[in-house]
Every structure is written in C-alpha cells, then in structure tokens.
C-alpha atoms as a PDB file:
ATOM      1  CA  UNK A   1     -30.212  10.505 -11.498  1.00  0.00           C
ATOM      2  CA  UNK A   2     -29.135   7.180  -9.095  1.00  0.00           C
ATOM      3  CA  UNK A   3     -25.360   8.018  -9.254  1.00  0.00           C
ATOM      4  CA  UNK A   4     -26.307  11.662  -8.073  1.00  0.00           C
ATOM      5  CA  UNK A   5     -27.944  10.062  -5.276  1.00  0.00           C
ATOM      6  CA  UNK A   6     -25.173   7.674  -4.479  1.00  0.00           C
ATOM      7  CA  UNK A   7     -22.477  10.575  -4.653  1.00  0.00           C
ATOM      8  CA  UNK A   8     -24.942  12.604  -2.631  1.00  0.00           C
ATOM      9  CA  UNK A   9     -25.404  10.207   0.193  1.00  0.00           C
ATOM     10  CA  UNK A  10     -21.736   9.480  -0.039  1.00  0.00           C
ATOM     11  CA  UNK A  11     -20.174  13.254   0.974  1.00  0.00           C
ATOM     12  CA  UNK A  12     -22.783  13.258   3.167  1.00  0.00           C
ATOM     13  CA  UNK A  13     -21.445  10.525   5.204  1.00  0.00           C
ATOM     14  CA  UNK A  14     -17.717  11.797   4.788  1.00  0.00           C
ATOM     15  CA  UNK A  15     -18.607  15.268   6.395  1.00  0.00           C
ATOM     16  CA  UNK A  16     -20.640  13.394   9.445  1.00  0.00           C
ATOM     17  CA  UNK A  17     -17.248  11.438   9.637  1.00  0.00           C
ATOM     18  CA  UNK A  18     -15.511  14.499   9.799  1.00  0.00           C
ATOM     19  CA  UNK A  19     -17.787  16.379  12.211  1.00  0.00           C
ATOM     20  CA  UNK A  20     -17.665  13.341  14.543  1.00  0.00           C
ATOM     21  CA  UNK A  21     -14.005  13.335  14.538  1.00  0.00           C
ATOM     22  CA  UNK A  22     -13.763  17.242  15.089  1.00  0.00           C
ATOM     23  CA  UNK A  23     -15.912  16.213  18.032  1.00  0.00           C
ATOM     24  CA  UNK A  24     -13.869  13.206  19.427  1.00  0.00           C
ATOM     25  CA  UNK A  25     -10.520  16.253  19.054  1.00  0.00           C
ATOM     26  CA  UNK A  26     -12.391  18.861  20.838  1.00  0.00           C
ATOM     27  CA  UNK A  27     -12.874  16.287  23.890  1.00  0.00           C
ATOM     28  CA  UNK A  28      -9.583  15.041  24.147  1.00  0.00           C
ATOM     29  CA  UNK A  29      -7.970  18.537  23.863  1.00  0.00           C
ATOM     30  CA  UNK A  30     -10.069  18.764  27.677  1.00  0.00           C
ATOM     31  CA  UNK A  31      -7.819  16.437  28.825  1.00  0.00           C
ATOM     32  CA  UNK A  32      -5.836  17.743  31.364  1.00  0.00           C
ATOM     33  CA  UNK A  33      -2.687  16.500  30.634  1.00  0.00           C
ATOM     34  CA  UNK A  34       1.091  18.340  31.804  1.00  0.00           C
ATOM     35  CA  UNK A  35       5.049  16.590  31.720  1.00  0.00           C
ATOM     36  CA  UNK A  36       8.060  17.626  33.059  1.00  0.00           C
ATOM     37  CA  UNK A  37      10.807  16.382  30.415  1.00  0.00           C
ATOM     38  CA  UNK A  38      13.564  15.205  32.564  1.00  0.00           C
ATOM     39  CA  UNK A  39      16.640  15.717  31.095  1.00  0.00           C
ATOM     40  CA  UNK A  40      19.155  12.874  32.567  1.00  0.00           C
ATOM     41  CA  UNK A  41      22.078  12.886  29.449  1.00  0.00           C
ATOM     42  CA  UNK A  42      22.096  16.532  30.771  1.00  0.00           C
ATOM     43  CA  UNK A  43      22.505  15.553  34.468  1.00  0.00           C
ATOM     44  CA  UNK A  44      24.791  12.620  33.640  1.00  0.00           C
ATOM     45  CA  UNK A  45      26.851  14.458  31.753  1.00  0.00           C
ATOM     46  CA  UNK A  46      27.185  17.298  34.210  1.00  0.00           C
ATOM     47  CA  UNK A  47      28.171  14.938  37.093  1.00  0.00           C
ATOM     48  CA  UNK A  48      30.956  14.080  38.884  1.00  0.00           C
ATOM     49  CA  UNK A  49      32.151  10.328  40.491  1.00  0.00           C
ATOM     50  CA  UNK A  50      30.370  11.170  43.915  1.00  0.00           C
ATOM     51  CA  UNK A  51      26.930  12.303  42.512  1.00  0.00           C
ATOM     52  CA  UNK A  52      26.432   8.859  41.531  1.00  0.00           C
ATOM     53  CA  UNK A  53      24.759   7.509  44.649  1.00  0.00           C
ATOM     54  CA  UNK A  54      22.365  10.627  44.280  1.00  0.00           C
ATOM     55  CA  UNK A  55      21.501   9.707  40.545  1.00  0.00           C
ATOM     56  CA  UNK A  56      20.868   6.561  41.471  1.00  0.00           C
ATOM     57  CA  UNK A  57      18.355   7.314  44.327  1.00  0.00           C
ATOM     58  CA  UNK A  58      16.333   9.769  41.447  1.00  0.00           C
ATOM     59  CA  UNK A  59      16.584   7.520  38.654  1.00  0.00           C
ATOM     60  CA  UNK A  60      16.833   4.022  39.937  1.00  0.00           C
ATOM     61  CA  UNK A  61      15.597   2.118  36.797  1.00  0.00           C
ATOM     62  CA  UNK A  62      18.602   3.538  34.871  1.00  0.00           C
ATOM     63  CA  UNK A  63      21.274   1.919  37.101  1.00  0.00           C
ATOM     64  CA  UNK A  64      20.633  -1.541  36.999  1.00  0.00           C
ATOM     65  CA  UNK A  65      21.684  -3.068  40.868  1.00  0.00           C
ATOM     66  CA  UNK A  66      23.991  -5.260  39.597  1.00  0.00           C
ATOM     67  CA  UNK A  67      26.393  -3.082  38.028  1.00  0.00           C
ATOM     68  CA  UNK A  68      28.867  -1.364  40.542  1.00  0.00           C
ATOM     69  CA  UNK A  69      29.356   2.487  40.697  1.00  0.00           C
ATOM     70  CA  UNK A  70      32.359   1.951  39.326  1.00  0.00           C
ATOM     71  CA  UNK A  71      30.953   0.664  35.672  1.00  0.00           C
ATOM     72  CA  UNK A  72      29.046   4.283  36.238  1.00  0.00           C
ATOM     73  CA  UNK A  73      32.317   5.802  36.945  1.00  0.00           C
ATOM     74  CA  UNK A  74      34.282   4.834  34.002  1.00  0.00           C
ATOM     75  CA  UNK A  75      31.519   5.848  32.111  1.00  0.00           C
ATOM     76  CA  UNK A  76      31.954   9.068  33.479  1.00  0.00           C
ATOM     77  CA  UNK A  77      35.278   9.917  32.436  1.00  0.00           C
ATOM     78  CA  UNK A  78      34.940   7.819  28.878  1.00  0.00           C
ATOM     79  CA  UNK A  79      35.972  10.237  25.877  1.00  0.00           C
ATOM     80  CA  UNK A  80      33.506   8.856  23.624  1.00  0.00           C
ATOM     81  CA  UNK A  81      30.692   9.200  26.368  1.00  0.00           C
ATOM     82  CA  UNK A  82      31.979  12.679  27.020  1.00  0.00           C
ATOM     83  CA  UNK A  83      32.151  13.516  23.313  1.00  0.00           C
ATOM     84  CA  UNK A  84      27.936  11.840  22.504  1.00  0.00           C
ATOM     85  CA  UNK A  85      27.074  14.347  25.395  1.00  0.00           C
ATOM     86  CA  UNK A  86      28.503  17.289  24.441  1.00  0.00           C
ATOM     87  CA  UNK A  87      26.980  16.622  21.015  1.00  0.00           C
ATOM     88  CA  UNK A  88      23.098  15.629  22.185  1.00  0.00           C
ATOM     89  CA  UNK A  89      23.440  18.687  24.190  1.00  0.00           C
ATOM     90  CA  UNK A  90      24.612  21.092  20.849  1.00  0.00           C
ATOM     91  CA  UNK A  91      21.138  19.157  18.807  1.00  0.00           C
ATOM     92  CA  UNK A  92      19.398  19.596  22.175  1.00  0.00           C
ATOM     93  CA  UNK A  93      19.607  22.600  24.476  1.00  0.00           C
ATOM     94  CA  UNK A  94      15.914  21.562  25.089  1.00  0.00           C
ATOM     95  CA  UNK A  95      13.354  19.484  24.126  1.00  0.00           C
ATOM     96  CA  UNK A  96      11.054  20.962  21.479  1.00  0.00           C
ATOM     97  CA  UNK A  97       8.661  17.929  21.367  1.00  0.00           C
ATOM     98  CA  UNK A  98       7.623  18.498  25.051  1.00  0.00           C
ATOM     99  CA  UNK A  99       3.642  19.707  23.673  1.00  0.00           C
ATOM    100  CA  UNK A 100       3.813  17.490  21.221  1.00  0.00           C
ATOM    101  CA  UNK A 101       4.309  14.694  23.425  1.00  0.00           C
ATOM    102  CA  UNK A 102       1.275  15.882  25.940  1.00  0.00           C
ATOM    103  CA  UNK A 103      -1.150  16.014  22.752  1.00  0.00           C
ATOM    104  CA  UNK A 104       0.393  12.120  22.558  1.00  0.00           C
ATOM    105  CA  UNK A 105      -0.539  10.708  25.987  1.00  0.00           C
ATOM    106  CA  UNK A 106      -3.831  13.269  25.958  1.00  0.00           C
ATOM    107  CA  UNK A 107      -5.089  10.730  23.066  1.00  0.00           C
ATOM    108  CA  UNK A 108      -3.333   7.682  24.965  1.00  0.00           C
ATOM    109  CA  UNK A 109      -5.517   9.047  28.030  1.00  0.00           C
ATOM    110  CA  UNK A 110      -9.044   9.182  25.164  1.00  0.00           C
ATOM    111  CA  UNK A 111      -8.433   5.384  24.190  1.00  0.00           C
ATOM    112  CA  UNK A 112      -7.057   3.650  26.812  1.00  0.00           C
ATOM    113  CA  UNK A 113      -8.097   6.146  29.926  1.00  0.00           C
ATOM    114  CA  UNK A 114      -6.347   2.793  32.815  1.00  0.00           C
ATOM    115  CA  UNK A 115      -3.363   4.083  31.655  1.00  0.00           C
ATOM    116  CA  UNK A 116      -1.364   6.719  33.972  1.00  0.00           C
ATOM    117  CA  UNK A 117       0.989   9.370  32.218  1.00  0.00           C
ATOM    118  CA  UNK A 118       4.562   8.308  32.668  1.00  0.00           C
ATOM    119  CA  UNK A 119       8.252  10.483  33.472  1.00  0.00           C
ATOM    120  CA  UNK A 120       9.276  10.831  30.648  1.00  0.00           C
ATOM    121  CA  UNK A 121      13.435  10.809  30.714  1.00  0.00           C
ATOM    122  CA  UNK A 122      15.688  11.651  27.992  1.00  0.00           C
ATOM    123  CA  UNK A 123      19.100   9.914  27.880  1.00  0.00           C
ATOM    124  CA  UNK A 124      21.638   8.978  25.545  1.00  0.00           C
ATOM    125  CA  UNK A 125      22.083   5.255  24.720  1.00  0.00           C
ATOM    126  CA  UNK A 126      25.445   4.632  22.232  1.00  0.00           C
ATOM    127  CA  UNK A 127      23.027   5.346  19.390  1.00  0.00           C
ATOM    128  CA  UNK A 128      21.377   2.074  20.419  1.00  0.00           C
ATOM    129  CA  UNK A 129      18.721   2.308  17.399  1.00  0.00           C
ATOM    130  CA  UNK A 130      16.368  -0.922  18.515  1.00  0.00           C
ATOM    131  CA  UNK A 131      15.904   0.907  21.195  1.00  0.00           C
ATOM    132  CA  UNK A 132      15.421   5.051  20.172  1.00  0.00           C
ATOM    133  CA  UNK A 133      12.674   5.033  22.798  1.00  0.00           C
ATOM    134  CA  UNK A 134      11.267   2.799  25.587  1.00  0.00           C
ATOM    135  CA  UNK A 135       7.813   3.002  27.128  1.00  0.00           C
ATOM    136  CA  UNK A 136       6.659   1.439  30.482  1.00  0.00           C
ATOM    137  CA  UNK A 137       3.682   2.049  32.234  1.00  0.00           C
ATOM    138  CA  UNK A 138       5.289   4.586  34.393  1.00  0.00           C
ATOM    139  CA  UNK A 139       8.334   5.728  32.357  1.00  0.00           C
ATOM    140  CA  UNK A 140       9.401   6.840  28.647  1.00  0.00           C
ATOM    141  CA  UNK A 141      12.783   7.093  27.677  1.00  0.00           C
ATOM    142  CA  UNK A 142      13.961   8.678  24.875  1.00  0.00           C
ATOM    143  CA  UNK A 143      17.901   7.981  23.825  1.00  0.00           C
ATOM    144  CA  UNK A 144      18.509  11.752  22.225  1.00  0.00           C
ATOM    145  CA  UNK A 145      21.743  10.434  20.711  1.00  0.00           C
ATOM    146  CA  UNK A 146      19.324   8.334  18.017  1.00  0.00           C
ATOM    147  CA  UNK A 147      17.995  12.007  17.176  1.00  0.00           C
ATOM    148  CA  UNK A 148      20.836  13.894  15.879  1.00  0.00           C
ATOM    149  CA  UNK A 149      20.180  14.499  12.134  1.00  0.00           C
ATOM    150  CA  UNK A 150      20.461  11.672   9.535  1.00  0.00           C
ATOM    151  CA  UNK A 151      23.756  13.346   8.497  1.00  0.00           C
ATOM    152  CA  UNK A 152      25.308  13.340  11.820  1.00  0.00           C
ATOM    153  CA  UNK A 153      28.837  11.949  12.717  1.00  0.00           C
ATOM    154  CA  UNK A 154      27.949   9.691  14.881  1.00  0.00           C
ATOM    155  CA  UNK A 155      25.805   7.950  11.889  1.00  0.00           C
ATOM    156  CA  UNK A 156      28.483   7.896   9.545  1.00  0.00           C
ATOM    157  CA  UNK A 157      28.924   4.218   7.639  1.00  0.00           C
ATOM    158  CA  UNK A 158      25.229   3.350   8.744  1.00  0.00           C
ATOM    159  CA  UNK A 159      22.617   2.626   5.731  1.00  0.00           C
ATOM    160  CA  UNK A 160      20.209   5.036   4.165  1.00  0.00           C
ATOM    161  CA  UNK A 161      17.414   2.962   5.695  1.00  0.00           C
ATOM    162  CA  UNK A 162      18.100   3.138   8.951  1.00  0.00           C
ATOM    163  CA  UNK A 163      19.564   6.638   9.380  1.00  0.00           C
ATOM    164  CA  UNK A 164      16.564   8.185   7.253  1.00  0.00           C
ATOM    165  CA  UNK A 165      14.736   8.552  10.913  1.00  0.00           C
ATOM    166  CA  UNK A 166      17.984   9.470  13.155  1.00  0.00           C
ATOM    167  CA  UNK A 167      15.390  12.770  13.297  1.00  0.00           C
ATOM    168  CA  UNK A 168      13.958  14.779  16.060  1.00  0.00           C
ATOM    169  CA  UNK A 169      10.841  14.589  14.065  1.00  0.00           C
ATOM    170  CA  UNK A 170      10.732  10.993  14.796  1.00  0.00           C
ATOM    171  CA  UNK A 171      10.683  11.309  18.323  1.00  0.00           C
ATOM    172  CA  UNK A 172       6.690  11.450  18.869  1.00  0.00           C
ATOM    173  CA  UNK A 173       6.073   9.114  16.449  1.00  0.00           C
ATOM    174  CA  UNK A 174       8.494   6.282  17.650  1.00  0.00           C
ATOM    175  CA  UNK A 175       6.646   6.742  21.595  1.00  0.00           C
ATOM    176  CA  UNK A 176       3.431   5.677  19.256  1.00  0.00           C
ATOM    177  CA  UNK A 177       4.657   2.741  18.262  1.00  0.00           C
ATOM    178  CA  UNK A 178       5.494   1.706  21.613  1.00  0.00           C
ATOM    179  CA  UNK A 179       2.820   2.604  22.920  1.00  0.00           C
ATOM    180  CA  UNK A 180       0.625   0.859  20.012  1.00  0.00           C
ATOM    181  CA  UNK A 181       2.909  -2.461  21.134  1.00  0.00           C
ATOM    182  CA  UNK A 182       1.533  -2.213  24.670  1.00  0.00           C
ATOM    183  CA  UNK A 183      -2.542  -2.237  23.292  1.00  0.00           C
ATOM    184  CA  UNK A 184      -2.148  -4.187  20.753  1.00  0.00           C
ATOM    185  CA  UNK A 185      -2.198  -8.370  21.677  1.00  0.00           C
ATOM    186  CA  UNK A 186       1.106  -9.916  20.456  1.00  0.00           C
ATOM    187  CA  UNK A 187       1.034 -11.973  16.742  1.00  0.00           C
ATOM    188  CA  UNK A 188       0.346 -15.221  17.369  1.00  0.00           C
ATOM    189  CA  UNK A 189      -0.143 -16.649  14.134  1.00  0.00           C
ATOM    190  CA  UNK A 190       2.983 -17.565  11.480  1.00  0.00           C
ATOM    191  CA  UNK A 191       0.786 -16.523   8.358  1.00  0.00           C
ATOM    192  CA  UNK A 192       1.336 -12.969   5.988  1.00  0.00           C
ATOM    193  CA  UNK A 193      -1.844 -11.695   6.247  1.00  0.00           C
ATOM    194  CA  UNK A 194      -1.814 -12.232  10.159  1.00  0.00           C
ATOM    195  CA  UNK A 195       1.449 -10.387  10.241  1.00  0.00           C
ATOM    196  CA  UNK A 196       0.457  -7.334   7.547  1.00  0.00           C
ATOM    197  CA  UNK A 197      -3.071  -7.484  10.306  1.00  0.00           C
ATOM    198  CA  UNK A 198      -1.113  -6.793  13.011  1.00  0.00           C
ATOM    199  CA  UNK A 199       1.361  -4.324  12.199  1.00  0.00           C
ATOM    200  CA  UNK A 200      -1.474  -2.444  10.390  1.00  0.00           C
ATOM    201  CA  UNK A 201      -3.339  -2.329  13.948  1.00  0.00           C
ATOM    202  CA  UNK A 202       0.103  -0.761  15.059  1.00  0.00           C
ATOM    203  CA  UNK A 203      -0.193   1.822  12.477  1.00  0.00           C
ATOM    204  CA  UNK A 204      -4.137   2.451  12.859  1.00  0.00           C
ATOM    205  CA  UNK A 205      -3.291   3.180  16.534  1.00  0.00           C
ATOM    206  CA  UNK A 206      -1.254   5.503  15.510  1.00  0.00           C
ATOM    207  CA  UNK A 207      -3.800   7.481  13.614  1.00  0.00           C
ATOM    208  CA  UNK A 208      -5.426   7.997  16.890  1.00  0.00           C
ATOM    209  CA  UNK A 209      -2.737   8.997  19.008  1.00  0.00           C
ATOM    210  CA  UNK A 210      -0.752  11.347  16.846  1.00  0.00           C
ATOM    211  CA  UNK A 211      -3.684  12.419  13.989  1.00  0.00           C
ATOM    212  CA  UNK A 212      -1.593  15.413  13.434  1.00  0.00           C
ATOM    213  CA  UNK A 213       1.502  13.486  11.990  1.00  0.00           C
ATOM    214  CA  UNK A 214       1.713  12.670   8.271  1.00  0.00           C
ATOM    215  CA  UNK A 215       1.213   9.247   7.262  1.00  0.00           C
ATOM    216  CA  UNK A 216       4.772   9.129   6.195  1.00  0.00           C
ATOM    217  CA  UNK A 217       6.431  10.036   9.650  1.00  0.00           C
ATOM    218  CA  UNK A 218       3.777   7.066  11.177  1.00  0.00           C
ATOM    219  CA  UNK A 219       5.508   4.964   8.676  1.00  0.00           C
ATOM    220  CA  UNK A 220       9.208   6.177   9.033  1.00  0.00           C
ATOM    221  CA  UNK A 221       9.183   7.041   5.166  1.00  0.00           C
ATOM    222  CA  UNK A 222      10.347  10.019   3.179  1.00  0.00           C
ATOM    223  CA  UNK A 223       7.494  11.557   1.044  1.00  0.00           C
ATOM    224  CA  UNK A 224       8.360  10.162  -1.642  1.00  0.00           C
ATOM    225  CA  UNK A 225       8.094   6.388  -0.540  1.00  0.00           C
ATOM    226  CA  UNK A 226       4.738   7.103   0.679  1.00  0.00           C
ATOM    227  CA  UNK A 227       3.829   8.271  -2.340  1.00  0.00           C
ATOM    228  CA  UNK A 228       5.922   5.314  -4.446  1.00  0.00           C
ATOM    229  CA  UNK A 229       3.427   3.222  -2.046  1.00  0.00           C
ATOM    230  CA  UNK A 230       0.170   4.697  -2.056  1.00  0.00           C
ATOM    231  CA  UNK A 231       0.510   5.117  -6.077  1.00  0.00           C
ATOM    232  CA  UNK A 232       1.528   1.101  -6.371  1.00  0.00           C
ATOM    233  CA  UNK A 233      -1.193  -0.103  -3.758  1.00  0.00           C
ATOM    234  CA  UNK A 234      -3.362  -1.751  -5.952  1.00  0.00           C
ATOM    235  CA  UNK A 235       0.257  -3.105  -8.039  1.00  0.00           C
ATOM    236  CA  UNK A 236       1.333  -4.380  -4.462  1.00  0.00           C
ATOM    237  CA  UNK A 237      -2.151  -6.187  -3.520  1.00  0.00           C
ATOM    238  CA  UNK A 238      -2.156  -8.028  -6.859  1.00  0.00           C
ATOM    239  CA  UNK A 239       0.993  -9.647  -6.391  1.00  0.00           C
ATOM    240  CA  UNK A 240       0.427 -11.132  -3.341  1.00  0.00           C
ATOM    241  CA  UNK A 241      -2.968 -12.412  -4.555  1.00  0.00           C
ATOM    242  CA  UNK A 242      -1.257 -13.348  -7.773  1.00  0.00           C
ATOM    243  CA  UNK A 243       1.872 -15.330  -5.993  1.00  0.00           C
ATOM    244  CA  UNK A 244      -0.779 -16.560  -2.565  1.00  0.00           C
ATOM    245  CA  UNK A 245       1.088 -15.497  -0.320  1.00  0.00           C
ATOM    246  CA  UNK A 246      -2.454 -14.447   1.653  1.00  0.00           C
ATOM    247  CA  UNK A 247      -1.822 -17.779   3.894  1.00  0.00           C
ATOM    248  CA  UNK A 248       1.618 -18.400   3.583  1.00  0.00           C
ATOM    249  CA  UNK A 249       3.917 -19.062   6.401  1.00  0.00           C
ATOM    250  CA  UNK A 250       7.242 -18.671   5.082  1.00  0.00           C
ATOM    251  CA  UNK A 251       9.439 -16.805   7.349  1.00  0.00           C
ATOM    252  CA  UNK A 252      10.443 -15.338   4.284  1.00  0.00           C
ATOM    253  CA  UNK A 253       7.991 -13.370   3.620  1.00  0.00           C
ATOM    254  CA  UNK A 254       8.623 -11.237   7.432  1.00  0.00           C
ATOM    255  CA  UNK A 255      12.102 -10.326   5.426  1.00  0.00           C
ATOM    256  CA  UNK A 256      10.746  -9.411   2.246  1.00  0.00           C
ATOM    257  CA  UNK A 257       7.825  -7.335   3.166  1.00  0.00           C
ATOM    258  CA  UNK A 258       7.640  -6.458   6.977  1.00  0.00           C
ATOM    259  CA  UNK A 259      10.897  -5.869   8.362  1.00  0.00           C
ATOM    260  CA  UNK A 260      13.170  -2.812   8.052  1.00  0.00           C
ATOM    261  CA  UNK A 261      15.266  -3.020   5.243  1.00  0.00           C
ATOM    262  CA  UNK A 262      16.656  -0.762   2.324  1.00  0.00           C
ATOM    263  CA  UNK A 263      13.424  -1.841  -0.042  1.00  0.00           C
ATOM    264  CA  UNK A 264      10.671  -4.670  -0.049  1.00  0.00           C
ATOM    265  CA  UNK A 265      11.494  -7.787  -2.008  1.00  0.00           C
ATOM    266  CA  UNK A 266       9.289  -8.521  -5.059  1.00  0.00           C
ATOM    267  CA  UNK A 267      12.597 -10.275  -7.238  1.00  0.00           C
ATOM    268  CA  UNK A 268      11.610  -7.486  -9.548  1.00  0.00           C
ATOM    269  CA  UNK A 269      13.732  -5.299 -11.491  1.00  0.00           C
ATOM    270  CA  UNK A 270      11.689  -2.327  -9.712  1.00  0.00           C
ATOM    271  CA  UNK A 271      13.002  -3.796  -6.386  1.00  0.00           C
ATOM    272  CA  UNK A 272      15.224  -0.649  -5.572  1.00  0.00           C
ATOM    273  CA  UNK A 273      12.464   1.768  -6.297  1.00  0.00           C
ATOM    274  CA  UNK A 274      10.326   0.686  -3.462  1.00  0.00           C
ATOM    275  CA  UNK A 275      10.292   1.319   0.405  1.00  0.00           C
ATOM    276  CA  UNK A 276      10.165  -1.605   2.564  1.00  0.00           C
ATOM    277  CA  UNK A 277       7.845  -2.443   4.908  1.00  0.00           C
ATOM    278  CA  UNK A 278       4.873  -2.543   2.002  1.00  0.00           C
ATOM    279  CA  UNK A 279       3.573  -5.506   3.996  1.00  0.00           C
ATOM    280  CA  UNK A 280       2.838  -3.346   7.049  1.00  0.00           C
ATOM    281  CA  UNK A 281       1.288  -0.752   4.493  1.00  0.00           C
ATOM    282  CA  UNK A 282      -1.420  -3.024   2.853  1.00  0.00           C
ATOM    283  CA  UNK A 283      -2.368  -4.317   6.458  1.00  0.00           C
ATOM    284  CA  UNK A 284      -3.028  -0.653   7.459  1.00  0.00           C
ATOM    285  CA  UNK A 285      -5.196   0.160   4.590  1.00  0.00           C
ATOM    286  CA  UNK A 286      -6.704  -3.089   5.286  1.00  0.00           C
ATOM    287  CA  UNK A 287      -7.566  -2.287   8.562  1.00  0.00           C
ATOM    288  CA  UNK A 288      -8.463   1.641   7.701  1.00  0.00           C
ATOM    289  CA  UNK A 289     -10.650   0.113   5.544  1.00  0.00           C
ATOM    290  CA  UNK A 290     -12.620  -2.158   8.385  1.00  0.00           C
ATOM    291  CA  UNK A 291     -12.763   0.794  11.013  1.00  0.00           C
ATOM    292  CA  UNK A 292     -14.374   3.160   8.443  1.00  0.00           C
ATOM    293  CA  UNK A 293     -17.063   0.338   7.667  1.00  0.00           C
ATOM    294  CA  UNK A 294     -17.624  -0.850  11.496  1.00  0.00           C
ATOM    295  CA  UNK A 295     -17.849   2.775  13.121  1.00  0.00           C
ATOM    296  CA  UNK A 296     -19.820   1.715  15.897  1.00  0.00           C
ATOM    297  CA  UNK A 297     -16.632  -0.564  17.249  1.00  0.00           C
ATOM    298  CA  UNK A 298     -13.973   0.610  19.746  1.00  0.00           C
ATOM    299  CA  UNK A 299     -10.496   0.784  19.041  1.00  0.00           C
ATOM    300  CA  UNK A 300      -9.931  -1.466  21.959  1.00  0.00           C
ATOM    301  CA  UNK A 301     -12.640  -4.103  20.361  1.00  0.00           C
ATOM    302  CA  UNK A 302     -10.764  -4.061  17.312  1.00  0.00           C
ATOM    303  CA  UNK A 303      -7.541  -4.748  18.998  1.00  0.00           C
ATOM    304  CA  UNK A 304      -8.850  -7.709  19.583  1.00  0.00           C
ATOM    305  CA  UNK A 305     -10.322  -8.953  16.472  1.00  0.00           C
ATOM    306  CA  UNK A 306      -8.020 -11.790  14.621  1.00  0.00           C
ATOM    307  CA  UNK A 307      -6.660 -10.880  11.330  1.00  0.00           C
ATOM    308  CA  UNK A 308      -8.926 -13.007   9.343  1.00  0.00           C
ATOM    309  CA  UNK A 309     -12.197 -11.702  10.229  1.00  0.00           C
ATOM    310  CA  UNK A 310     -10.371  -7.961  10.000  1.00  0.00           C
ATOM    311  CA  UNK A 311      -9.758  -9.002   6.606  1.00  0.00           C
ATOM    312  CA  UNK A 312     -13.000 -10.359   5.502  1.00  0.00           C
ATOM    313  CA  UNK A 313     -14.861  -7.518   7.252  1.00  0.00           C
ATOM    314  CA  UNK A 314     -12.606  -5.161   5.576  1.00  0.00           C
ATOM    315  CA  UNK A 315     -13.964  -5.872   1.931  1.00  0.00           C
ATOM    316  CA  UNK A 316     -10.768  -4.239   0.725  1.00  0.00           C
ATOM    317  CA  UNK A 317      -9.987  -2.876  -2.163  1.00  0.00           C
ATOM    318  CA  UNK A 318      -6.707  -1.184  -2.954  1.00  0.00           C
ATOM    319  CA  UNK A 319      -7.457   2.587  -3.634  1.00  0.00           C
ATOM    320  CA  UNK A 320      -6.829   3.810  -7.199  1.00  0.00           C
ATOM    321  CA  UNK A 321      -4.093   6.342  -7.207  1.00  0.00           C
END
C-alpha cells in the first residue's frame, strides 16, 4: 500500500513537471525573434578586388585593421580558397537551420533577457574546427566549411572523433555551447569534481536552450556513444569513487575524461569501446539531479553555485540501465 502511494506521488510530480515545462515552452514560443542569415561566405566568393573596401564597411569584424587589403585580394585569388568556396556553396545553397537558430534565440531571450539578438553571419575559416561557431554580444559567426559532412574530402586524414560532428545538424548545438560558455562563470578550481560540474552546467544550459535536440546532439555523441554512456553510468561513477578521483587535482584527469578525444581512458580493456568526455556526461547528470530537486532555483542562480554545493544537494545517484 505504502509503495503504491509512493509511486502515485511520483507520477503526479512527473506530470506536474511536464505541465510546467509545457507552459514555459508556450511562453518562449511567443517571444518575437526574426533573423536574417548573412551569407558573407557567398558574398566573398563572388567578390572582386574592387569590392574589398565596401565589404570592410559592411563587415568590419571580419577585416582586422592590422591586415592590408592585399591579404584579402590574395585570398580571393587563392585556388584552395576558391575550391573551399565552391564546396560550401554546393553544400549550403541555403542555410536550412534558420528556424532552429531563431528557436535558440527565443530560449536565450527567455532565460537571459538582457541578451540582444545578434547578427548571424556565415563564413569560411580554412576548416578551423576549434572555432566552428563564434558568439559575441553582437554577432554569431558560423564557419560553414566545418559542417560539410564527415565524409567530405576536406576532412580526409582527420580522426573520426573530430569529423563525426562536421555535420549540418551540429550547427545549432555548437552555437548553444558558445552561449552556455558566455553565461557560465569560468572554472577556477582544479579538482575533477569542479571540472565535471562546470561542463555539466554547460550541458544543462543546452537542455534549456535547445530542448528539442537529442542528448546525443548536445554531447556531440553518436547515438551508439550516448547509449553506452547511459547504460554504463553506474559503472562509470563507481570507477570514479573507487579510485578517489572526485577531489583529485591531477590535470591528467582532464585529458582522460573531460577533453575531446577518441575515447575515455579508464586504463581498462574496454577503453576503446567507450565514448570520450564521460566526466562531462557525469557532471551533466549531477547538475540535472540538482535542478530536479531544486525547482525554485533559477537557471542564472544555478550557474553561480559552486560545484561542491551542487554535488552535495543533488544527492546524485546514477540511473540504472
């Protein structure tokens, strides 16, 4: 009888939570946002040297003052850049993510109303995968040459763990990541728990900004990698506890479990089967469980909390597969 009552209350709580989320999404959908995606990549590809002065006026951010016009003229005439332009135009005759980007901005305005809607400009960047998307308070830059599809010839020789996310469907999650980094106080502490919770905060912000995207897309995982992480969450956590890693300040833990890599490094035979960045994944679950238990804490308040407080008050328990 007691057990039945418990599950009844659990079910009612879940329904109440869903209803609240639906109300929030309805409010967000009413926030007016309309953007124009400025195709600088296309404009530059079709430009001639005489167009450079006008382009500098229209896109001053993209033309650093320390560079002479001859740099841009040479780029226009560079055969590799010309091939890059052709391939981008072939893959993106139009940017189909406009509606998804507008949805992202609606969520940004709801949770961070002080933010202004920026210009959205597409560029090429010589496949600079460290800066696929750049976000400032006034502009979002999208390097379309880093989203041509993981099998594109430009990516031959790159490792699979890098190029698996060189796909158009990662454009919006990548922009969301950059916004999350803007809103989340920078990591100061060096212990492993603090790193996990910091990245957990970033991913939780993505939960709020792009709720209709899959967890795999938010993590930059394949579906198989996401399934592995979820299935093995309890074992991952047990490993961290048994090896007393939470308060360890050894920077090697960043490379093993936080940084982008082919896989996580438990130093076990199963390593090559595991997805990378499992420390981020666990941090995400900690922050989620904290948020579930503290619905009165706003997103901005949560981001200001230190890792220890979030961890202790989350009463984190790994999910059973």
